[in-house]
């Protein structure tokens, strides 16, 4: 029997999303987290062993992505031996639905000047399990193992997330792609208002790394701000099991629900 996966590759550039990708806002639409990991996976496949590492990733979400077939194309925007910019586009039915851009930088030994990291969070073993499906529906949320500090409050949470689900069925995936495929969970871990009464999806994400993550766990020290003009911001210090790795920012569109409960 095949292992569960978020995506199946249909050919070189075409994929089919599985129900494990179904989103928290609508179960007919993909949660963008697995898609983010897939775009990084496709960038890594395209560039091969170029000696560079990911320093920054931006993702612009241009529309809803149905749980269906789609295509991914990768383009080298700025080639270079020490700095390069690579773009991955996901399209469905001729429409671009997501664009990821990755700055890739040459690594080096800077151990002698390492410093300035945020404080590490408690390890996953020190944090109790939390049923995220008590707040959010969807196949993606149901696929996760989540641990969250019990003193989480509206708009503020410390949590750990990992998934037993393969990113792409039958394909080896780097720690980085698998790890990035979970970071868009941040906005749902530190809910400021009930999603039954308010909509606050993110329209983008920007990830900056000061080192490359390892392992399957992603740690989140997340905080959410809602402004007075329909804008919001989720800011997160991201961790792996060895400590802080980087920072994530997500721009939110905040509005009251006019459908469903509440």
Protein backbone atom coordinates (compact mmCIF):
# COMPACT_ATOMS: atom_id res chain seq x y z
CA UNK A 1 0.00 0.00 0.00
CA UNK A 2 1.27 3.48 -0.88
CA UNK A 3 2.18 5.91 1.88
CA UNK A 4 -0.11 8.93 2.16
CA UNK A 5 1.17 11.99 0.33
CA UNK A 6 0.17 15.60 -0.20
CA UNK A 7 0.89 15.38 -3.94
CA UNK A 8 1.33 12.85 -6.73
CA UNK A 9 3.55 13.73 -9.69
CA UNK A 10 1.68 13.05 -12.94
CA UNK A 11 4.62 13.90 -15.22
CA UNK A 12 7.65 16.21 -15.19
CA UNK A 13 5.75 19.37 -14.22
CA UNK A 14 2.18 18.29 -13.45
CA UNK A 15 0.87 17.28 -10.02
CA UNK A 16 -2.34 16.14 -8.43
CA UNK A 17 -3.17 17.33 -4.92
CA UNK A 18 -4.64 14.77 -2.52
CA UNK A 19 -7.29 15.32 0.19
CA UNK A 20 -4.42 15.75 2.69
CA UNK A 21 -3.94 19.24 1.22
CA UNK A 22 -7.51 20.40 1.81
CA UNK A 23 -7.61 23.76 3.53
CA UNK A 24 -8.85 25.22 6.78
CA UNK A 25 -10.94 27.97 5.18
CA UNK A 26 -12.49 25.66 2.56
CA UNK A 27 -12.02 21.92 2.22
CA UNK A 28 -12.32 22.16 -1.59
CA UNK A 29 -9.24 24.41 -1.70
CA UNK A 30 -5.63 23.60 -0.89
CA UNK A 31 -3.97 24.77 2.28
CA UNK A 32 -0.96 26.68 0.98
CA UNK A 33 1.53 25.02 3.38
CA UNK A 34 2.16 21.83 1.35
CA UNK A 35 2.25 23.87 -1.86
CA UNK A 36 5.04 26.03 -0.37
CA UNK A 37 7.11 22.94 0.38
CA UNK A 38 6.46 21.57 -3.10
CA UNK A 39 7.67 24.78 -4.77
CA UNK A 40 10.91 24.61 -2.74
CA UNK A 41 11.26 20.94 -3.72
CA UNK A 42 10.89 21.85 -7.40
CA UNK A 43 13.41 24.68 -7.08
CA UNK A 44 15.90 22.26 -5.52
CA UNK A 45 15.33 19.73 -8.30
CA UNK A 46 15.83 22.41 -10.95
CA UNK A 47 19.07 23.91 -9.58
CA UNK A 48 20.65 20.61 -8.59
CA UNK A 49 23.86 20.64 -6.55
CA UNK A 50 24.77 24.29 -7.21
CA UNK A 51 26.50 24.77 -3.84
CA UNK A 52 24.06 27.47 -2.67
CA UNK A 53 21.58 27.43 0.21
CA UNK A 54 18.21 29.10 0.79
CA UNK A 55 18.41 32.48 2.53
CA UNK A 56 15.04 34.01 1.77
CA UNK A 57 11.76 32.68 0.39
CA UNK A 58 8.76 34.78 -0.57
CA UNK A 59 5.42 33.36 -1.62
CA UNK A 60 2.60 35.40 -3.15
CA UNK A 61 -0.77 33.67 -3.14
CA UNK A 62 -2.66 34.91 -6.20
CA UNK A 63 -5.89 33.01 -5.70
CA UNK A 64 -7.51 29.90 -4.30
CA UNK A 65 -6.02 26.61 -5.41
CA UNK A 66 -8.50 23.78 -5.82
CA UNK A 67 -7.65 20.28 -4.61
CA UNK A 68 -7.00 19.15 -8.15
CA UNK A 69 -4.33 19.02 -10.86
CA UNK A 70 -1.86 21.87 -11.42
CA UNK A 71 1.55 22.57 -12.96
CA UNK A 72 4.83 24.00 -11.63
CA UNK A 73 7.46 25.82 -13.71
CA UNK A 74 10.87 26.95 -12.41
CA UNK A 75 12.96 29.79 -13.84
CA UNK A 76 16.42 31.08 -12.91
CA UNK A 77 15.88 34.85 -12.60
CA UNK A 78 19.36 35.92 -11.48
CA UNK A 79 22.12 33.37 -12.04
CA UNK A 80 25.33 33.51 -10.05
CA UNK A 81 28.00 31.43 -8.36
CA UNK A 82 27.58 33.11 -4.95
CA UNK A 83 24.07 34.62 -5.15
CA UNK A 84 21.15 33.45 -7.28
CA UNK A 85 17.41 34.17 -7.48
CA UNK A 86 15.07 31.37 -8.57
CA UNK A 87 11.32 31.55 -9.19
CA UNK A 88 8.71 28.76 -9.12
CA UNK A 89 5.18 29.32 -10.44
CA UNK A 90 2.17 27.12 -9.82
CA UNK A 91 -0.57 27.35 -12.44
CA UNK A 92 -3.96 25.71 -12.80
CA UNK A 93 -6.13 25.86 -15.92
CA UNK A 94 -3.83 28.51 -17.38
CA UNK A 95 -4.01 30.79 -14.32
CA UNK A 96 -1.05 31.47 -12.02
CA UNK A 97 -2.10 30.71 -8.45
CA UNK A 98 1.17 31.04 -6.51
CA UNK A 99 4.65 32.47 -7.13
CA UNK A 100 7.64 31.60 -4.95
CA UNK A 101 10.99 33.37 -5.21
CA UNK A 102 14.09 32.03 -3.47
CA UNK A 103 17.34 33.90 -2.85
CA UNK A 104 20.10 31.29 -2.68
CA UNK A 105 23.47 32.25 -1.19
CA UNK A 106 26.88 30.65 -1.00
CA UNK A 107 27.49 29.14 2.49
CA UNK A 108 30.68 29.53 4.49
CA UNK A 109 32.14 28.89 7.94
CA UNK A 110 31.12 31.83 10.14
CA UNK A 111 31.23 29.93 13.44
CA UNK A 112 33.65 32.49 14.91
CA UNK A 113 31.10 35.31 14.67
CA UNK A 114 27.86 33.41 15.35
CA UNK A 115 25.51 35.28 17.70
CA UNK A 116 22.31 37.23 18.16
CA UNK A 117 19.88 34.29 17.96
CA UNK A 118 16.50 34.51 19.74
CA UNK A 119 15.94 32.38 22.83
CA UNK A 120 15.16 28.73 22.05
CA UNK A 121 11.69 27.37 22.81
CA UNK A 122 11.01 24.27 24.93
CA UNK A 123 11.59 21.07 22.93
CA UNK A 124 8.68 19.09 21.43
CA UNK A 125 9.00 16.51 24.21
CA UNK A 126 8.38 19.27 26.77
CA UNK A 127 5.18 20.51 25.12
CA UNK A 128 1.85 18.63 25.40
CA UNK A 129 -0.14 17.45 22.37
CA UNK A 130 -2.85 19.78 21.07
CA UNK A 131 -5.79 18.84 18.87
CA UNK A 132 -5.68 21.54 16.18
CA UNK A 133 -8.79 20.07 14.56
CA UNK A 134 -10.74 21.47 17.53
CA UNK A 135 -10.30 24.89 15.86
CA UNK A 136 -9.72 24.15 12.17
CA UNK A 137 -11.18 21.68 9.66
CA UNK A 138 -9.49 20.27 6.56
CA UNK A 139 -7.26 17.41 5.52
CA UNK A 140 -4.04 19.35 5.99
CA UNK A 141 -4.72 20.19 9.64
CA UNK A 142 -5.87 16.60 10.26
CA UNK A 143 -2.55 15.33 8.85
CA UNK A 144 -0.44 17.10 11.47
CA UNK A 145 0.99 16.15 14.83
CA UNK A 146 0.78 19.35 16.88
CA UNK A 147 2.14 20.23 20.30
CA UNK A 148 1.30 23.59 21.87
CA UNK A 149 2.04 25.25 25.19
CA UNK A 150 -1.10 25.16 27.37
CA UNK A 151 -0.74 28.85 28.31
CA UNK A 152 -1.30 29.97 24.69
CA UNK A 153 -3.48 33.06 24.53
CA UNK A 154 -5.33 34.84 21.70
CA UNK A 155 -2.73 35.96 19.19
CA UNK A 156 0.24 34.33 20.97
CA UNK A 157 1.44 30.72 20.96
CA UNK A 158 4.48 28.47 21.28
CA UNK A 159 3.99 25.26 19.31
CA UNK A 160 5.66 22.41 17.42
CA UNK A 161 4.36 20.74 14.26
CA UNK A 162 5.41 17.75 12.18
CA UNK A 163 3.69 15.52 9.62
CA UNK A 164 4.00 11.81 8.77
CA UNK A 165 2.62 12.51 5.27
CA UNK A 166 5.02 12.47 2.32
CA UNK A 167 5.33 15.71 0.37
CA UNK A 168 5.43 14.02 -3.06
CA UNK A 169 4.55 10.33 -3.29
CA UNK A 170 7.59 8.13 -3.79
CA UNK A 171 10.14 10.97 -4.03
CA UNK A 172 13.01 11.74 -1.66
CA UNK A 173 12.57 15.23 -0.23
CA UNK A 174 15.12 17.39 1.58
CA UNK A 175 14.72 18.42 5.21
CA UNK A 176 14.36 21.98 3.93
CA UNK A 177 11.45 21.30 1.55
CA UNK A 178 9.64 19.15 4.11
CA UNK A 179 10.20 21.78 6.83
CA UNK A 180 9.09 24.69 4.63
CA UNK A 181 5.98 22.66 3.76
CA UNK A 182 4.76 23.20 7.34
CA UNK A 183 5.57 26.87 8.03
CA UNK A 184 2.27 28.29 6.72
CA UNK A 185 0.63 26.63 9.74
CA UNK A 186 1.78 29.60 11.86
CA UNK A 187 -1.30 31.76 11.36
CA UNK A 188 -3.60 29.00 12.63
CA UNK A 189 -1.59 28.17 15.75
CA UNK A 190 -2.02 31.56 17.41
CA UNK A 191 -5.64 32.44 16.64
CA UNK A 192 -6.63 35.91 17.85
CA UNK A 193 -10.34 35.63 16.98
CA UNK A 194 -12.63 32.69 16.21
CA UNK A 195 -12.43 31.63 12.54
CA UNK A 196 -16.14 30.94 12.84
CA UNK A 197 -16.70 34.70 13.17
CA UNK A 198 -13.71 36.25 11.40
CA UNK A 199 -11.73 35.58 8.23
CA UNK A 200 -8.00 36.28 8.39
CA UNK A 201 -6.20 34.33 5.62
CA UNK A 202 -2.68 35.32 4.66
CA UNK A 203 -2.01 36.57 1.14
CA UNK A 204 1.74 35.98 1.28
CA UNK A 205 4.60 34.75 3.39
CA UNK A 206 8.23 35.82 3.70
CA UNK A 207 10.80 33.52 5.28
CA UNK A 208 14.32 34.60 6.23
CA UNK A 209 16.80 31.98 7.45
CA UNK A 210 20.05 32.45 9.35
CA UNK A 211 20.85 28.73 9.03
CA UNK A 212 19.41 25.69 7.30
CA UNK A 213 16.81 23.69 9.26
CA UNK A 214 17.18 19.98 9.97
CA UNK A 215 14.77 17.28 11.11
CA UNK A 216 11.00 16.93 10.85
CA UNK A 217 9.80 19.20 13.66
CA UNK A 218 9.06 22.88 13.06
CA UNK A 219 8.90 25.10 16.15
CA UNK A 220 6.74 28.26 16.15
CA UNK A 221 6.94 31.24 18.47
CA UNK A 222 4.06 33.07 16.82
CA UNK A 223 2.30 36.38 17.43
CA UNK A 224 -0.69 37.84 15.56
CA UNK A 225 -1.64 41.52 15.30
CA UNK A 226 -4.97 42.74 13.88
CA UNK A 227 -4.98 46.40 12.87
CA UNK A 228 -7.97 48.73 12.72
CA UNK A 229 -8.14 48.91 8.91
CA UNK A 230 -8.65 45.30 7.87
CA UNK A 231 -4.96 44.37 7.84
CA UNK A 232 -3.16 41.90 10.07
CA UNK A 233 0.30 40.45 10.53
CA UNK A 234 1.50 37.12 11.85
CA UNK A 235 5.17 37.17 12.87
CA UNK A 236 6.94 33.98 13.92
CA UNK A 237 10.38 32.97 15.14
CA UNK A 238 10.91 29.54 13.61
CA UNK A 239 12.91 26.70 15.18
CA UNK A 240 14.10 23.20 14.58
CA UNK A 241 15.01 20.88 17.45
CA UNK A 242 18.48 22.39 17.76
CA UNK A 243 17.31 26.01 18.12
CA UNK A 244 16.12 29.10 16.25
CA UNK A 245 16.40 29.00 12.46
CA UNK A 246 14.81 32.20 11.13
CA UNK A 247 11.73 34.39 10.96
CA UNK A 248 8.44 34.27 9.09
CA UNK A 249 6.02 37.10 8.30
CA UNK A 250 2.50 36.71 6.84
CA UNK A 251 0.25 39.56 5.72
CA UNK A 252 -3.40 38.95 6.64
CA UNK A 253 -6.65 40.25 5.20
CA UNK A 254 -9.05 40.56 8.16
CA UNK A 255 -12.82 40.78 7.77
CA UNK A 256 -15.96 39.62 9.54
CA UNK A 257 -17.63 36.48 8.25
CA UNK A 258 -20.94 36.86 6.48
CA UNK A 259 -21.48 33.13 6.01
CA UNK A 260 -21.74 30.13 8.28
CA UNK A 261 -21.76 30.07 12.09
CA UNK A 262 -21.46 33.34 13.97
